[in-house]
Amino acid sequence: MIVVKKTRQGMGPKVLFDQMSVDVQRYMNHPDCRTLICFIYDPEGRIGNPKAVETGFARAENGRHVEVLISPK
């Protein structure tokens, strides 16, 4: 499964992290989802440390994987 987000005014890091947490929980409990790829488009650089977010949300458990890609960096 693929989730796509775009930062914008009113959707800074806090809102984005809250939404991502809900998305990860929802899709990792979906019986057909083995890999969840989250792409975040951040053209204004609202996410201060994109590598930390990518690493913080990435996980592998019970044969399921979450990968996060933020662009541009």
Protein backbone atom coordinates (compact mmCIF):
# COMPACT_ATOMS: atom_id res chain seq x y z
CA MET A 1 0.00 0.00 0.00
CA ILE A 2 1.13 3.55 -0.63
CA VAL A 3 0.19 6.66 1.35
CA VAL A 4 1.03 10.07 -0.12
CA LYS A 5 1.09 13.28 1.91
CA LYS A 6 2.05 16.86 1.13
CA THR A 7 3.02 19.39 3.75
CA ARG A 8 1.39 22.79 3.53
CA GLN A 9 0.34 25.68 5.73
CA GLY A 10 -1.66 24.18 8.57
CA MET A 11 -0.11 20.76 8.02
CA GLY A 12 3.22 21.01 9.74
CA PRO A 13 5.15 18.27 11.50
CA LYS A 14 2.70 17.76 14.41
CA VAL A 15 -0.36 17.26 12.20
CA LEU A 16 1.63 15.14 9.77
CA PHE A 17 2.98 12.88 12.54
CA ASP A 18 -0.50 12.42 13.99
CA GLN A 19 -1.87 11.45 10.57
CA MET A 20 1.06 9.15 9.87
CA SER A 21 0.58 7.36 13.18
CA VAL A 22 -3.06 6.69 12.33
CA ASP A 23 -2.18 5.57 8.79
CA VAL A 24 0.54 3.19 9.96
CA GLN A 25 -1.73 1.63 12.56
CA ARG A 26 -4.62 1.27 10.11
CA TYR A 27 -2.64 -0.26 7.26
CA MET A 28 -0.45 -2.50 9.40
CA ASN A 29 -3.63 -4.10 10.71
CA HIS A 30 -5.05 -4.55 7.20
CA PRO A 31 -4.89 -8.25 6.25
CA ASP A 32 -3.69 -7.55 2.69
CA CYS A 33 -0.94 -5.07 3.57
CA ARG A 34 2.56 -6.49 3.93
CA THR A 35 4.44 -3.30 3.01
CA LEU A 36 3.35 0.27 3.57
CA ILE A 37 5.26 2.97 1.73
CA CYS A 38 4.66 6.52 2.94
CA PHE A 39 5.75 9.26 0.56
CA ILE A 40 5.77 12.78 1.95
CA TYR A 41 6.26 15.69 -0.42
CA ASP A 42 7.72 18.61 1.53
CA PRO A 43 8.56 21.33 -1.01
CA GLU A 44 8.87 24.12 1.57
CA GLY A 45 11.03 22.11 3.99
CA ARG A 46 8.50 22.22 6.82
CA ILE A 47 9.90 18.99 8.26
CA GLY A 48 13.07 20.07 10.00
CA ASN A 49 14.84 16.71 10.08
CA PRO A 50 13.48 14.46 7.31
CA LYS A 51 16.00 11.66 7.92
CA ALA A 52 14.89 11.37 11.56
CA VAL A 53 11.24 11.11 10.48
CA GLU A 54 12.06 8.47 7.87
CA THR A 55 13.98 6.45 10.44
CA GLY A 56 11.45 7.02 13.23
CA PHE A 57 8.48 5.69 11.27
CA ALA A 58 10.27 2.87 9.46
CA ARG A 59 9.71 -0.53 10.99
CA ALA A 60 9.48 -4.22 10.33
CA GLU A 61 7.45 -6.55 12.52
CA ASN A 62 5.49 -9.75 12.04
CA GLY A 63 6.40 -9.89 8.35
CA ARG A 64 5.10 -6.37 7.72
CA HIS A 65 7.18 -3.36 6.74
CA VAL A 66 6.81 0.41 6.84
CA GLU A 67 9.07 2.60 4.73
CA VAL A 68 9.01 6.39 4.65
CA LEU A 69 10.45 8.64 1.96
CA ILE A 70 10.46 12.42 2.28
CA SER A 71 11.36 14.56 -0.71
CA PRO A 72 12.98 16.91 -1.33
CA LYS A 73 15.54 16.83 1.45
